C-alpha cells in the first residue's frame, strides 16, 4: 500500500506516550521484580496498585501495576498538549463512533478513556502530579538504571489500517517500516514505527493476533547498563526472564534486551536510537525477509516474540489479515 502521510494538523495534539497500566497477579512478587531488581522508583503503593517511575521522570508514574485475577493490560496512556486538547479528543473519537468517557485516575487531572477503532484501550490526560527529579541522585540508581518510558509496541491484526489511522488522522509520523516487498508499491505493511516526541517511536505496530500489548520499551543510559543488568538478573535467580538479546536492532539502531516479568509481560531495555525531530524526516524501509532487520548482527528473534502478548482487558482479538511470516530463530 502507499506509505501514509502524516496529518500536519491533527484534531488534537498528542505530546508522547506517557504510561501503561498492567494487571498482575501478585503485587509483592511484581514489586520485587520491578523495584528491587529492575530499579524502578515506587512513588506510591495503595495496597492494590503500585505507581512506578524512572529516574529522569517528573511525572508521578509511567508504569502502574494493578492487582488482577489474571495477567492483562489495561490502558496505554498519552499526554496531550493542553486541557483543550482533551475536549478535542473527546469530540474526535465520538465523531468516529468510538465512545469516550471521563474517568478519575489517581495522581492525574481530567482523564479520558476510549478505544481506538481497532479496540486498543487508550487514556489521555494533560495534568499529572509532579515529583522531584532524581536524574542526578546517583545513590538512587539501581538495577537497569531506568530513566523513562520510551515506547509501546502492540500486536495489530491490520497494520495497514491502524497505521493509516495513527499517522493519517492522529498525526503520528513514521520512522521505520517493514514491508513484504519494498520494491512493490502495493506491498502490505508488516510492522511500523511511529512517533510524536522526536525519536524512533512512541507507538509501534507488529503484525499478529490483536490488539494485544507486545511490550513496553524503557530507556536506559547505555548498552553497558543493559549488559550489567543481564548479569544482575541472572544472579538474582531470574534466568527464566530472559527472552531475547542483548543485541542491536537493525530497525532503530537501538541496543536492546527483552525480558518477561513474573506474569509474562514483556519489557524491553532500550538505548541509543536516533533523532527524528525534523517534520519531513523520511522513514526507512525494510524487507520482512532481511535478516538484519530484526538484529543488525543477523540473529533472529524466538517464536515467542512473534506470538505471545498480553490481552487487553475486555478486548476482542482478531487473527491478522496479513499471513506473511518473519524469520524465526531455530528452536
C-alpha atoms as a PDB file:
ATOM      1  CA  UNK A   1       0.000   0.000   0.000  1.00  0.00           C
ATOM      2  CA  UNK A   2       1.186   3.617  -0.395  1.00  0.00           C
ATOM      3  CA  UNK A   3       3.041   4.874   2.677  1.00  0.00           C
ATOM      4  CA  UNK A   4       0.628   7.009   4.766  1.00  0.00           C
ATOM      5  CA  UNK A   5       1.464  10.697   5.001  1.00  0.00           C
ATOM      6  CA  UNK A   6       1.184  12.355   8.426  1.00  0.00           C
ATOM      7  CA  UNK A   7      -1.662  14.684   9.276  1.00  0.00           C
ATOM      8  CA  UNK A   8       0.105  18.003   9.958  1.00  0.00           C
ATOM      9  CA  UNK A   9      -2.989  19.450  11.653  1.00  0.00           C
ATOM     10  CA  UNK A  10      -4.409  16.581  13.738  1.00  0.00           C
ATOM     11  CA  UNK A  11      -7.725  17.052  15.576  1.00  0.00           C
ATOM     12  CA  UNK A  12      -5.897  17.189  18.916  1.00  0.00           C
ATOM     13  CA  UNK A  13      -2.246  17.362  19.942  1.00  0.00           C
ATOM     14  CA  UNK A  14      -0.632  14.256  21.452  1.00  0.00           C
ATOM     15  CA  UNK A  15       2.753  15.006  23.057  1.00  0.00           C
ATOM     16  CA  UNK A  16       4.073  11.487  23.735  1.00  0.00           C
ATOM     17  CA  UNK A  17       3.339   8.089  25.170  1.00  0.00           C
ATOM     18  CA  UNK A  18       3.234   8.553  28.925  1.00  0.00           C
ATOM     19  CA  UNK A  19       2.407   5.374  30.838  1.00  0.00           C
ATOM     20  CA  UNK A  20       0.958   1.892  30.806  1.00  0.00           C
ATOM     21  CA  UNK A  21      -1.290   0.099  33.272  1.00  0.00           C
ATOM     22  CA  UNK A  22      -0.756  -3.643  33.685  1.00  0.00           C
ATOM     23  CA  UNK A  23      -2.721  -6.233  35.617  1.00  0.00           C
ATOM     24  CA  UNK A  24      -0.509  -8.524  37.716  1.00  0.00           C
ATOM     25  CA  UNK A  25      -1.454 -11.461  39.895  1.00  0.00           C
ATOM     26  CA  UNK A  26       0.926 -10.934  42.830  1.00  0.00           C
ATOM     27  CA  UNK A  27       1.858  -7.367  43.765  1.00  0.00           C
ATOM     28  CA  UNK A  28       4.579  -8.377  46.219  1.00  0.00           C
ATOM     29  CA  UNK A  29       6.264 -10.516  43.584  1.00  0.00           C
ATOM     30  CA  UNK A  30       5.894  -7.739  40.996  1.00  0.00           C
ATOM     31  CA  UNK A  31       7.339  -5.161  43.390  1.00  0.00           C
ATOM     32  CA  UNK A  32      10.381  -7.369  43.945  1.00  0.00           C
ATOM     33  CA  UNK A  33      10.902  -7.660  40.192  1.00  0.00           C
ATOM     34  CA  UNK A  34      10.204  -4.061  39.105  1.00  0.00           C
ATOM     35  CA  UNK A  35      11.584  -2.159  42.103  1.00  0.00           C
ATOM     36  CA  UNK A  36      14.204  -4.334  43.796  1.00  0.00           C
ATOM     37  CA  UNK A  37      15.668  -5.873  40.629  1.00  0.00           C
ATOM     38  CA  UNK A  38      14.729  -3.688  37.662  1.00  0.00           C
ATOM     39  CA  UNK A  39      15.290  -0.480  39.630  1.00  0.00           C
ATOM     40  CA  UNK A  40      12.058   1.483  39.237  1.00  0.00           C
ATOM     41  CA  UNK A  41      11.214   4.095  41.872  1.00  0.00           C
ATOM     42  CA  UNK A  42       7.988   3.205  43.669  1.00  0.00           C
ATOM     43  CA  UNK A  43       6.211   6.525  44.062  1.00  0.00           C
ATOM     44  CA  UNK A  44       3.094   5.133  45.750  1.00  0.00           C
ATOM     45  CA  UNK A  45       1.752   1.799  46.955  1.00  0.00           C
ATOM     46  CA  UNK A  46      -2.015   1.882  47.504  1.00  0.00           C
ATOM     47  CA  UNK A  47      -2.251  -1.745  48.557  1.00  0.00           C
ATOM     48  CA  UNK A  48      -3.879  -2.859  45.329  1.00  0.00           C
ATOM     49  CA  UNK A  49      -1.680  -0.848  42.910  1.00  0.00           C
ATOM     50  CA  UNK A  50       1.947   0.212  42.551  1.00  0.00           C
ATOM     51  CA  UNK A  51       2.864   3.506  40.851  1.00  0.00           C
ATOM     52  CA  UNK A  52       6.353   3.452  39.354  1.00  0.00           C
ATOM     53  CA  UNK A  53       8.594   5.962  37.600  1.00  0.00           C
ATOM     54  CA  UNK A  54      12.087   6.234  36.199  1.00  0.00           C
ATOM     55  CA  UNK A  55      14.930   8.393  37.449  1.00  0.00           C
ATOM     56  CA  UNK A  56      14.502  11.084  34.794  1.00  0.00           C
ATOM     57  CA  UNK A  57      10.722  11.274  35.004  1.00  0.00           C
ATOM     58  CA  UNK A  58       8.977  14.148  36.781  1.00  0.00           C
ATOM     59  CA  UNK A  59       5.513  12.672  36.319  1.00  0.00           C
ATOM     60  CA  UNK A  60       4.090  10.666  39.213  1.00  0.00           C
ATOM     61  CA  UNK A  61       4.151   7.398  37.251  1.00  0.00           C
ATOM     62  CA  UNK A  62       4.949   5.769  33.925  1.00  0.00           C
ATOM     63  CA  UNK A  63       4.020   2.210  34.945  1.00  0.00           C
ATOM     64  CA  UNK A  64       1.016   1.253  37.062  1.00  0.00           C
ATOM     65  CA  UNK A  65       0.775  -2.332  38.316  1.00  0.00           C
ATOM     66  CA  UNK A  66      -2.734  -3.276  39.445  1.00  0.00           C
ATOM     67  CA  UNK A  67      -3.751  -6.449  41.279  1.00  0.00           C
ATOM     68  CA  UNK A  68      -5.705  -8.694  38.902  1.00  0.00           C
ATOM     69  CA  UNK A  69      -7.023 -12.252  38.788  1.00  0.00           C
ATOM     70  CA  UNK A  70      -5.089 -12.928  35.571  1.00  0.00           C
ATOM     71  CA  UNK A  71      -2.280 -11.119  33.715  1.00  0.00           C
ATOM     72  CA  UNK A  72      -3.606  -8.481  31.333  1.00  0.00           C
ATOM     73  CA  UNK A  73      -3.028  -4.979  30.029  1.00  0.00           C
ATOM     74  CA  UNK A  74      -5.439  -2.149  30.836  1.00  0.00           C
ATOM     75  CA  UNK A  75      -4.566   1.137  29.129  1.00  0.00           C
ATOM     76  CA  UNK A  76      -1.860   2.847  27.137  1.00  0.00           C
ATOM     77  CA  UNK A  77      -1.589   6.433  28.381  1.00  0.00           C
ATOM     78  CA  UNK A  78      -0.745   9.545  26.359  1.00  0.00           C
ATOM     79  CA  UNK A  79      -0.051  13.105  27.455  1.00  0.00           C
ATOM     80  CA  UNK A  80      -1.732  15.802  25.370  1.00  0.00           C
ATOM     81  CA  UNK A  81      -0.618  19.404  24.988  1.00  0.00           C
ATOM     82  CA  UNK A  82      -3.471  21.183  26.789  1.00  0.00           C
ATOM     83  CA  UNK A  83      -6.773  20.789  28.588  1.00  0.00           C
ATOM     84  CA  UNK A  84      -8.471  21.932  25.380  1.00  0.00           C
ATOM     85  CA  UNK A  85      -6.900  19.007  23.554  1.00  0.00           C
ATOM     86  CA  UNK A  86      -8.734  16.639  25.896  1.00  0.00           C
ATOM     87  CA  UNK A  87     -12.055  18.143  24.823  1.00  0.00           C
ATOM     88  CA  UNK A  88     -10.994  17.965  21.178  1.00  0.00           C
ATOM     89  CA  UNK A  89     -10.057  14.317  21.654  1.00  0.00           C
ATOM     90  CA  UNK A  90     -13.485  13.556  23.121  1.00  0.00           C
ATOM     91  CA  UNK A  91     -15.197  15.226  20.160  1.00  0.00           C
ATOM     92  CA  UNK A  92     -12.983  13.455  17.626  1.00  0.00           C
ATOM     93  CA  UNK A  93     -13.425   9.948  18.981  1.00  0.00           C
ATOM     94  CA  UNK A  94     -17.161  10.337  19.481  1.00  0.00           C
ATOM     95  CA  UNK A  95     -17.444  11.501  15.869  1.00  0.00           C
ATOM     96  CA  UNK A  96     -15.610   8.352  14.790  1.00  0.00           C
ATOM     97  CA  UNK A  97     -18.034   6.073  16.618  1.00  0.00           C
ATOM     98  CA  UNK A  98     -15.541   5.400  19.449  1.00  0.00           C
ATOM     99  CA  UNK A  99     -17.375   6.399  22.654  1.00  0.00           C
ATOM    100  CA  UNK A 100     -15.151   8.380  25.016  1.00  0.00           C
ATOM    101  CA  UNK A 101     -15.714   8.676  28.768  1.00  0.00           C
ATOM    102  CA  UNK A 102     -14.232  10.759  31.552  1.00  0.00           C
ATOM    103  CA  UNK A 103     -12.717   8.773  34.431  1.00  0.00           C
ATOM    104  CA  UNK A 104     -10.976   9.554  37.709  1.00  0.00           C
ATOM    105  CA  UNK A 105      -7.382   8.327  37.898  1.00  0.00           C
ATOM    106  CA  UNK A 106      -5.034   8.600  40.851  1.00  0.00           C
ATOM    107  CA  UNK A 107      -2.492  11.471  40.649  1.00  0.00           C
ATOM    108  CA  UNK A 108      -3.939  12.679  37.327  1.00  0.00           C
ATOM    109  CA  UNK A 109      -6.193  15.539  36.299  1.00  0.00           C
ATOM    110  CA  UNK A 110      -9.056  15.110  33.853  1.00  0.00           C
ATOM    111  CA  UNK A 111      -8.603  11.768  32.114  1.00  0.00           C
ATOM    112  CA  UNK A 112     -10.321  10.462  29.002  1.00  0.00           C
ATOM    113  CA  UNK A 113     -10.749   6.757  28.239  1.00  0.00           C
ATOM    114  CA  UNK A 114     -11.511   5.485  24.747  1.00  0.00           C
ATOM    115  CA  UNK A 115     -10.797   2.536  22.477  1.00  0.00           C
ATOM    116  CA  UNK A 116      -9.366   3.237  19.053  1.00  0.00           C
ATOM    117  CA  UNK A 117     -11.291   1.811  16.050  1.00  0.00           C
ATOM    118  CA  UNK A 118      -9.331  -1.451  16.435  1.00  0.00           C
ATOM    119  CA  UNK A 119     -10.132  -1.985  20.114  1.00  0.00           C
ATOM    120  CA  UNK A 120      -6.906  -0.725  21.735  1.00  0.00           C
ATOM    121  CA  UNK A 121      -7.745   0.933  25.104  1.00  0.00           C
ATOM    122  CA  UNK A 122      -6.241   4.419  25.311  1.00  0.00           C
ATOM    123  CA  UNK A 123      -6.009   7.006  28.083  1.00  0.00           C
ATOM    124  CA  UNK A 124      -5.448  10.749  27.540  1.00  0.00           C
ATOM    125  CA  UNK A 125      -4.635  13.379  30.156  1.00  0.00           C
ATOM    126  CA  UNK A 126      -2.896  16.749  30.422  1.00  0.00           C
ATOM    127  CA  UNK A 127      -2.062  17.161  34.116  1.00  0.00           C
ATOM    128  CA  UNK A 128      -0.299  14.651  36.356  1.00  0.00           C
ATOM    129  CA  UNK A 129       1.237  15.215  39.771  1.00  0.00           C
ATOM    130  CA  UNK A 130       4.941  16.091  39.637  1.00  0.00           C
ATOM    131  CA  UNK A 131       7.719  14.574  41.657  1.00  0.00           C
ATOM    132  CA  UNK A 132      11.319  15.517  42.392  1.00  0.00           C
ATOM    133  CA  UNK A 133      13.836  14.888  39.622  1.00  0.00           C
ATOM    134  CA  UNK A 134      16.165  12.002  40.510  1.00  0.00           C
ATOM    135  CA  UNK A 135      18.415  12.231  37.456  1.00  0.00           C
ATOM    136  CA  UNK A 136      21.488  13.293  39.474  1.00  0.00           C
ATOM    137  CA  UNK A 137      20.607  11.429  42.663  1.00  0.00           C
ATOM    138  CA  UNK A 138      23.058   8.664  41.811  1.00  0.00           C
ATOM    139  CA  UNK A 139      22.587   6.888  45.113  1.00  0.00           C
ATOM    140  CA  UNK A 140      19.089   6.027  43.839  1.00  0.00           C
ATOM    141  CA  UNK A 141      20.425   4.264  40.736  1.00  0.00           C
ATOM    142  CA  UNK A 142      19.789   0.516  40.927  1.00  0.00           C
ATOM    143  CA  UNK A 143      19.135  -2.378  38.605  1.00  0.00           C
ATOM    144  CA  UNK A 144      18.923  -1.262  34.984  1.00  0.00           C
ATOM    145  CA  UNK A 145      19.104   2.449  35.929  1.00  0.00           C
ATOM    146  CA  UNK A 146      15.821   3.104  34.098  1.00  0.00           C
ATOM    147  CA  UNK A 147      15.426   6.730  33.061  1.00  0.00           C
ATOM    148  CA  UNK A 148      11.983   6.926  31.401  1.00  0.00           C
ATOM    149  CA  UNK A 149       9.346   5.187  29.334  1.00  0.00           C
ATOM    150  CA  UNK A 150      10.218   5.328  25.649  1.00  0.00           C
ATOM    151  CA  UNK A 151       7.580   3.469  23.642  1.00  0.00           C
ATOM    152  CA  UNK A 152       4.856   0.875  23.482  1.00  0.00           C
ATOM    153  CA  UNK A 153       4.511  -1.878  20.881  1.00  0.00           C
ATOM    154  CA  UNK A 154       1.185  -3.556  20.140  1.00  0.00           C
ATOM    155  CA  UNK A 155       0.180  -6.534  18.035  1.00  0.00           C
ATOM    156  CA  UNK A 156      -2.179  -5.297  15.294  1.00  0.00           C
ATOM    157  CA  UNK A 157      -4.406  -7.513  13.191  1.00  0.00           C
ATOM    158  CA  UNK A 158      -4.323  -4.985  10.325  1.00  0.00           C
ATOM    159  CA  UNK A 159      -1.110  -2.958  10.288  1.00  0.00           C
ATOM    160  CA  UNK A 160      -2.127  -1.146   7.094  1.00  0.00           C
ATOM    161  CA  UNK A 161      -5.320   0.193   8.628  1.00  0.00           C
ATOM    162  CA  UNK A 162      -4.037   1.029  12.115  1.00  0.00           C
ATOM    163  CA  UNK A 163      -1.041   2.866  10.642  1.00  0.00           C
ATOM    164  CA  UNK A 164      -3.335   4.928   8.403  1.00  0.00           C
ATOM    165  CA  UNK A 165      -5.350   5.881  11.489  1.00  0.00           C
ATOM    166  CA  UNK A 166      -2.481   6.889  13.778  1.00  0.00           C
ATOM    167  CA  UNK A 167      -0.472   8.608  11.026  1.00  0.00           C
ATOM    168  CA  UNK A 168      -3.178   9.951   8.724  1.00  0.00           C
ATOM    169  CA  UNK A 169      -5.595  11.079  11.442  1.00  0.00           C
ATOM    170  CA  UNK A 170      -3.789  11.454  14.794  1.00  0.00           C
ATOM    171  CA  UNK A 171      -0.588  12.978  13.373  1.00  0.00           C
ATOM    172  CA  UNK A 172       1.967  10.334  14.325  1.00  0.00           C
ATOM    173  CA  UNK A 173       4.986  10.272  11.999  1.00  0.00           C
ATOM    174  CA  UNK A 174       6.571   7.169  10.505  1.00  0.00           C
ATOM    175  CA  UNK A 175      10.246   6.418  11.109  1.00  0.00           C
ATOM    176  CA  UNK A 176      10.728   2.760  10.148  1.00  0.00           C
ATOM    177  CA  UNK A 177       8.596   0.389   8.083  1.00  0.00           C
ATOM    178  CA  UNK A 178       8.729  -3.341   7.436  1.00  0.00           C
ATOM    179  CA  UNK A 179       7.052  -4.378   4.186  1.00  0.00           C
ATOM    180  CA  UNK A 180       6.558  -7.716   2.496  1.00  0.00           C
ATOM    181  CA  UNK A 181       8.370  -6.351  -0.581  1.00  0.00           C
ATOM    182  CA  UNK A 182       9.849  -2.844  -0.633  1.00  0.00           C
ATOM    183  CA  UNK A 183      10.141  -2.978  -4.465  1.00  0.00           C
ATOM    184  CA  UNK A 184       6.355  -3.288  -4.787  1.00  0.00           C
ATOM    185  CA  UNK A 185       4.486  -0.051  -4.088  1.00  0.00           C
ATOM    186  CA  UNK A 186       1.365  -2.109  -3.306  1.00  0.00           C
ATOM    187  CA  UNK A 187       3.215  -4.191  -0.708  1.00  0.00           C
ATOM    188  CA  UNK A 188       1.498  -4.633   2.643  1.00  0.00           C
ATOM    189  CA  UNK A 189       2.917  -3.136   5.823  1.00  0.00           C
ATOM    190  CA  UNK A 190       4.013  -5.850   8.246  1.00  0.00           C
ATOM    191  CA  UNK A 191       5.208  -3.545  11.038  1.00  0.00           C
ATOM    192  CA  UNK A 192       5.513   0.214  11.532  1.00  0.00           C
ATOM    193  CA  UNK A 193       7.239   2.542  13.998  1.00  0.00           C
ATOM    194  CA  UNK A 194       5.525   5.884  14.649  1.00  0.00           C
ATOM    195  CA  UNK A 195       6.304   8.801  16.944  1.00  0.00           C
ATOM    196  CA  UNK A 196       5.163  12.140  18.315  1.00  0.00           C
ATOM    197  CA  UNK A 197       8.114  13.143  20.513  1.00  0.00           C
ATOM    198  CA  UNK A 198      11.017  13.161  18.053  1.00  0.00           C
ATOM    199  CA  UNK A 199      12.757   9.810  18.346  1.00  0.00           C
ATOM    200  CA  UNK A 200      12.116   6.479  16.628  1.00  0.00           C
ATOM    201  CA  UNK A 201       8.778   5.639  18.227  1.00  0.00           C
ATOM    202  CA  UNK A 202       6.057   6.235  20.733  1.00  0.00           C
ATOM    203  CA  UNK A 203       3.813   3.523  19.236  1.00  0.00           C
ATOM    204  CA  UNK A 204       4.885   0.582  17.112  1.00  0.00           C
ATOM    205  CA  UNK A 205       2.572  -1.893  15.417  1.00  0.00           C
ATOM    206  CA  UNK A 206       3.537  -5.516  14.719  1.00  0.00           C
ATOM    207  CA  UNK A 207       1.505  -7.938  12.620  1.00  0.00           C
ATOM    208  CA  UNK A 208      -0.210 -10.560  14.763  1.00  0.00           C
ATOM    209  CA  UNK A 209      -3.300 -11.577  16.708  1.00  0.00           C
ATOM    210  CA  UNK A 210      -4.521  -8.282  18.052  1.00  0.00           C
ATOM    211  CA  UNK A 211      -4.975  -5.926  19.568  1.00  0.00           C
ATOM    212  CA  UNK A 212      -2.636  -7.163  22.301  1.00  0.00           C
ATOM    213  CA  UNK A 213       0.235  -5.482  24.142  1.00  0.00           C
ATOM    214  CA  UNK A 214       3.556  -6.699  22.779  1.00  0.00           C
ATOM    215  CA  UNK A 215       5.920  -4.789  25.077  1.00  0.00           C
ATOM    216  CA  UNK A 216       6.806  -1.578  26.819  1.00  0.00           C
ATOM    217  CA  UNK A 217      10.194  -0.093  25.977  1.00  0.00           C
ATOM    218  CA  UNK A 218      12.104   1.793  28.675  1.00  0.00           C
ATOM    219  CA  UNK A 219      15.144   3.996  28.163  1.00  0.00           C
ATOM    220  CA  UNK A 220      18.423   3.262  29.957  1.00  0.00           C
ATOM    221  CA  UNK A 221      21.622   5.319  29.711  1.00  0.00           C
ATOM    222  CA  UNK A 222      23.893   2.926  27.794  1.00  0.00           C
ATOM    223  CA  UNK A 223      24.498  -0.506  26.312  1.00  0.00           C
ATOM    224  CA  UNK A 224      26.792  -1.206  29.262  1.00  0.00           C
ATOM    225  CA  UNK A 225      23.854  -0.733  31.639  1.00  0.00           C
ATOM    226  CA  UNK A 226      21.929  -3.381  29.704  1.00  0.00           C
ATOM    227  CA  UNK A 227      24.803  -5.875  29.801  1.00  0.00           C
ATOM    228  CA  UNK A 228      25.401  -5.284  33.500  1.00  0.00           C
ATOM    229  CA  UNK A 229      21.703  -5.729  34.192  1.00  0.00           C
ATOM    230  CA  UNK A 230      21.705  -9.101  32.427  1.00  0.00           C
ATOM    231  CA  UNK A 231      24.360 -10.250  34.898  1.00  0.00           C
ATOM    232  CA  UNK A 232      22.284  -8.894  37.786  1.00  0.00           C
ATOM    233  CA  UNK A 233      19.075 -10.529  36.552  1.00  0.00           C
ATOM    234  CA  UNK A 234      20.758 -13.920  36.233  1.00  0.00           C
ATOM    235  CA  UNK A 235      22.458 -13.607  39.621  1.00  0.00           C
ATOM    236  CA  UNK A 236      19.105 -12.779  41.217  1.00  0.00           C
ATOM    237  CA  UNK A 237      17.751 -16.130  40.048  1.00  0.00           C
ATOM    238  CA  UNK A 238      15.602 -14.845  37.167  1.00  0.00           C
ATOM    239  CA  UNK A 239      17.218 -16.763  34.309  1.00  0.00           C
ATOM    240  CA  UNK A 240      13.726 -17.629  33.096  1.00  0.00           C
ATOM    241  CA  UNK A 241      13.036 -13.930  32.486  1.00  0.00           C
ATOM    242  CA  UNK A 242      15.482 -13.793  29.569  1.00  0.00           C
ATOM    243  CA  UNK A 243      13.734 -13.844  26.183  1.00  0.00           C
ATOM    244  CA  UNK A 244      15.806 -12.041  23.539  1.00  0.00           C
ATOM    245  CA  UNK A 245      19.171 -10.310  23.388  1.00  0.00           C
ATOM    246  CA  UNK A 246      21.103  -8.359  24.359  1.00  0.00           C
ATOM    247  CA  UNK A 247      21.804  -7.143  20.858  1.00  0.00           C
ATOM    248  CA  UNK A 248      21.465  -4.256  18.405  1.00  0.00           C
ATOM    249  CA  UNK A 249      18.373  -3.763  16.292  1.00  0.00           C
ATOM    250  CA  UNK A 250      18.668  -3.081  12.588  1.00  0.00           C
ATOM    251  CA  UNK A 251      15.447  -1.129  12.893  1.00  0.00           C
ATOM    252  CA  UNK A 252      16.039   1.898  15.172  1.00  0.00           C
ATOM    253  CA  UNK A 253      19.758   1.088  15.741  1.00  0.00           C
ATOM    254  CA  UNK A 254      18.875   0.631  19.407  1.00  0.00           C
ATOM    255  CA  UNK A 255      20.795  -1.641  21.751  1.00  0.00           C
ATOM    256  CA  UNK A 256      18.164  -3.832  23.405  1.00  0.00           C
ATOM    257  CA  UNK A 257      17.257  -6.607  25.793  1.00  0.00           C
ATOM    258  CA  UNK A 258      13.824  -8.210  26.179  1.00  0.00           C
ATOM    259  CA  UNK A 259      12.706  -9.844  29.406  1.00  0.00           C
ATOM    260  CA  UNK A 260       9.441 -11.215  30.772  1.00  0.00           C
ATOM    261  CA  UNK A 261       8.146 -10.196  34.187  1.00  0.00           C
ATOM    262  CA  UNK A 262       6.670 -12.799  36.583  1.00  0.00           C
ATOM    263  CA  UNK A 263       3.278 -12.502  34.830  1.00  0.00           C
ATOM    264  CA  UNK A 264       4.735 -12.729  31.332  1.00  0.00           C
ATOM    265  CA  UNK A 265       4.537  -9.018  30.482  1.00  0.00           C
ATOM    266  CA  UNK A 266       7.370  -8.166  28.107  1.00  0.00           C
ATOM    267  CA  UNK A 267       9.746  -5.298  28.970  1.00  0.00           C
ATOM    268  CA  UNK A 268      12.453  -4.002  26.645  1.00  0.00           C
ATOM    269  CA  UNK A 269      15.527  -2.173  27.902  1.00  0.00           C
ATOM    270  CA  UNK A 270      16.338   0.293  25.145  1.00  0.00           C
ATOM    271  CA  UNK A 271      19.234   2.656  24.395  1.00  0.00           C
ATOM    272  CA  UNK A 272      20.971   4.542  21.574  1.00  0.00           C
ATOM    273  CA  UNK A 273      18.340   5.134  18.903  1.00  0.00           C
ATOM    274  CA  UNK A 274      18.335   8.361  16.844  1.00  0.00           C
ATOM    275  CA  UNK A 275      16.622  11.759  16.491  1.00  0.00           C
ATOM    276  CA  UNK A 276      13.631  12.214  14.160  1.00  0.00           C
ATOM    277  CA  UNK A 277      12.641  15.775  15.090  1.00  0.00           C
ATOM    278  CA  UNK A 278      12.515  17.163  11.532  1.00  0.00           C
ATOM    279  CA  UNK A 279       8.876  17.087  10.332  1.00  0.00           C
ATOM    280  CA  UNK A 280       9.984  15.799   6.910  1.00  0.00           C
ATOM    281  CA  UNK A 281      12.275  13.095   8.288  1.00  0.00           C
ATOM    282  CA  UNK A 282      11.928  10.188   5.809  1.00  0.00           C
ATOM    283  CA  UNK A 283      11.127   6.670   7.084  1.00  0.00           C
ATOM    284  CA  UNK A 284      13.494   3.762   6.480  1.00  0.00           C
ATOM    285  CA  UNK A 285      12.091   0.756   4.598  1.00  0.00           C
ATOM    286  CA  UNK A 286      12.917  -2.881   5.344  1.00  0.00           C
ATOM    287  CA  UNK A 287      12.008  -6.157   3.698  1.00  0.00           C
ATOM    288  CA  UNK A 288      10.412  -8.661   6.044  1.00  0.00           C
ATOM    289  CA  UNK A 289      12.941 -11.300   4.979  1.00  0.00           C
ATOM    290  CA  UNK A 290      16.004  -9.108   5.608  1.00  0.00           C
ATOM    291  CA  UNK A 291      17.969 -10.897   8.406  1.00  0.00           C
ATOM    292  CA  UNK A 292      19.485  -7.585   9.555  1.00  0.00           C
ATOM    293  CA  UNK A 293      16.043  -6.032  10.062  1.00  0.00           C
ATOM    294  CA  UNK A 294      15.445  -7.651  13.452  1.00  0.00           C
ATOM    295  CA  UNK A 295      19.042  -7.543  14.595  1.00  0.00           C
ATOM    296  CA  UNK A 296      21.890  -5.735  12.890  1.00  0.00           C
ATOM    297  CA  UNK A 297      24.092  -8.736  13.631  1.00  0.00           C
ATOM    298  CA  UNK A 298      21.668 -11.118  11.889  1.00  0.00           C
ATOM    299  CA  UNK A 299      20.239 -13.124  14.815  1.00  0.00           C
ATOM    300  CA  UNK A 300      16.521 -13.864  14.523  1.00  0.00           C
ATOM    301  CA  UNK A 301      14.015 -13.473  17.349  1.00  0.00           C
ATOM    302  CA  UNK A 302      12.438 -16.511  19.036  1.00  0.00           C
ATOM    303  CA  UNK A 303       8.918 -17.681  18.145  1.00  0.00           C
ATOM    304  CA  UNK A 304       7.555 -16.366  21.447  1.00  0.00           C
ATOM    305  CA  UNK A 305       8.478 -12.828  20.429  1.00  0.00           C
ATOM    306  CA  UNK A 306       6.105 -13.027  17.442  1.00  0.00           C
ATOM    307  CA  UNK A 307       3.274 -14.943  19.074  1.00  0.00           C
ATOM    308  CA  UNK A 308       2.963 -14.086  22.782  1.00  0.00           C
ATOM    309  CA  UNK A 309       1.499 -10.886  24.171  1.00  0.00           C
ATOM    310  CA  UNK A 310      -0.791  -9.520  26.889  1.00  0.00           C
ATOM    311  CA  UNK A 311      -4.510  -9.340  26.196  1.00  0.00           C
ATOM    312  CA  UNK A 312      -6.224  -6.017  26.827  1.00  0.00           C
ATOM    313  CA  UNK A 313      -8.943  -6.295  29.450  1.00  0.00           C
ATOM    314  CA  UNK A 314     -12.342  -6.679  27.790  1.00  0.00           C
ATOM    315  CA  UNK A 315     -10.983  -6.512  24.238  1.00  0.00           C
ATOM    316  CA  UNK A 316     -11.852  -8.982  21.495  1.00  0.00           C
ATOM    317  CA  UNK A 317      -8.873 -10.112  19.433  1.00  0.00           C
ATOM    318  CA  UNK A 318      -8.735 -10.960  15.739  1.00  0.00           C
ATOM    319  CA  UNK A 319      -6.341 -13.008  13.603  1.00  0.00           C
ATOM    320  CA  UNK A 320      -4.021 -10.972  11.374  1.00  0.00           C
ATOM    321  CA  UNK A 321      -5.231 -10.164   7.874  1.00  0.00           C
ATOM    322  CA  UNK A 322      -1.652 -10.462   6.568  1.00  0.00           C
ATOM    323  CA  UNK A 323      -0.321 -14.029   6.545  1.00  0.00           C
ATOM    324  CA  UNK A 324       3.335 -13.237   5.700  1.00  0.00           C
ATOM    325  CA  UNK A 325       5.810 -14.824   8.134  1.00  0.00           C
ATOM    326  CA  UNK A 326       9.001 -13.310   9.606  1.00  0.00           C
ATOM    327  CA  UNK A 327      12.320 -15.070  10.043  1.00  0.00           C
ATOM    328  CA  UNK A 328      12.156 -17.059  13.313  1.00  0.00           C
ATOM    329  CA  UNK A 329      15.121 -18.382  15.293  1.00  0.00           C
ATOM    330  CA  UNK A 330      15.527 -22.190  15.306  1.00  0.00           C
ATOM    331  CA  UNK A 331      14.080 -23.822  18.393  1.00  0.00           C
END
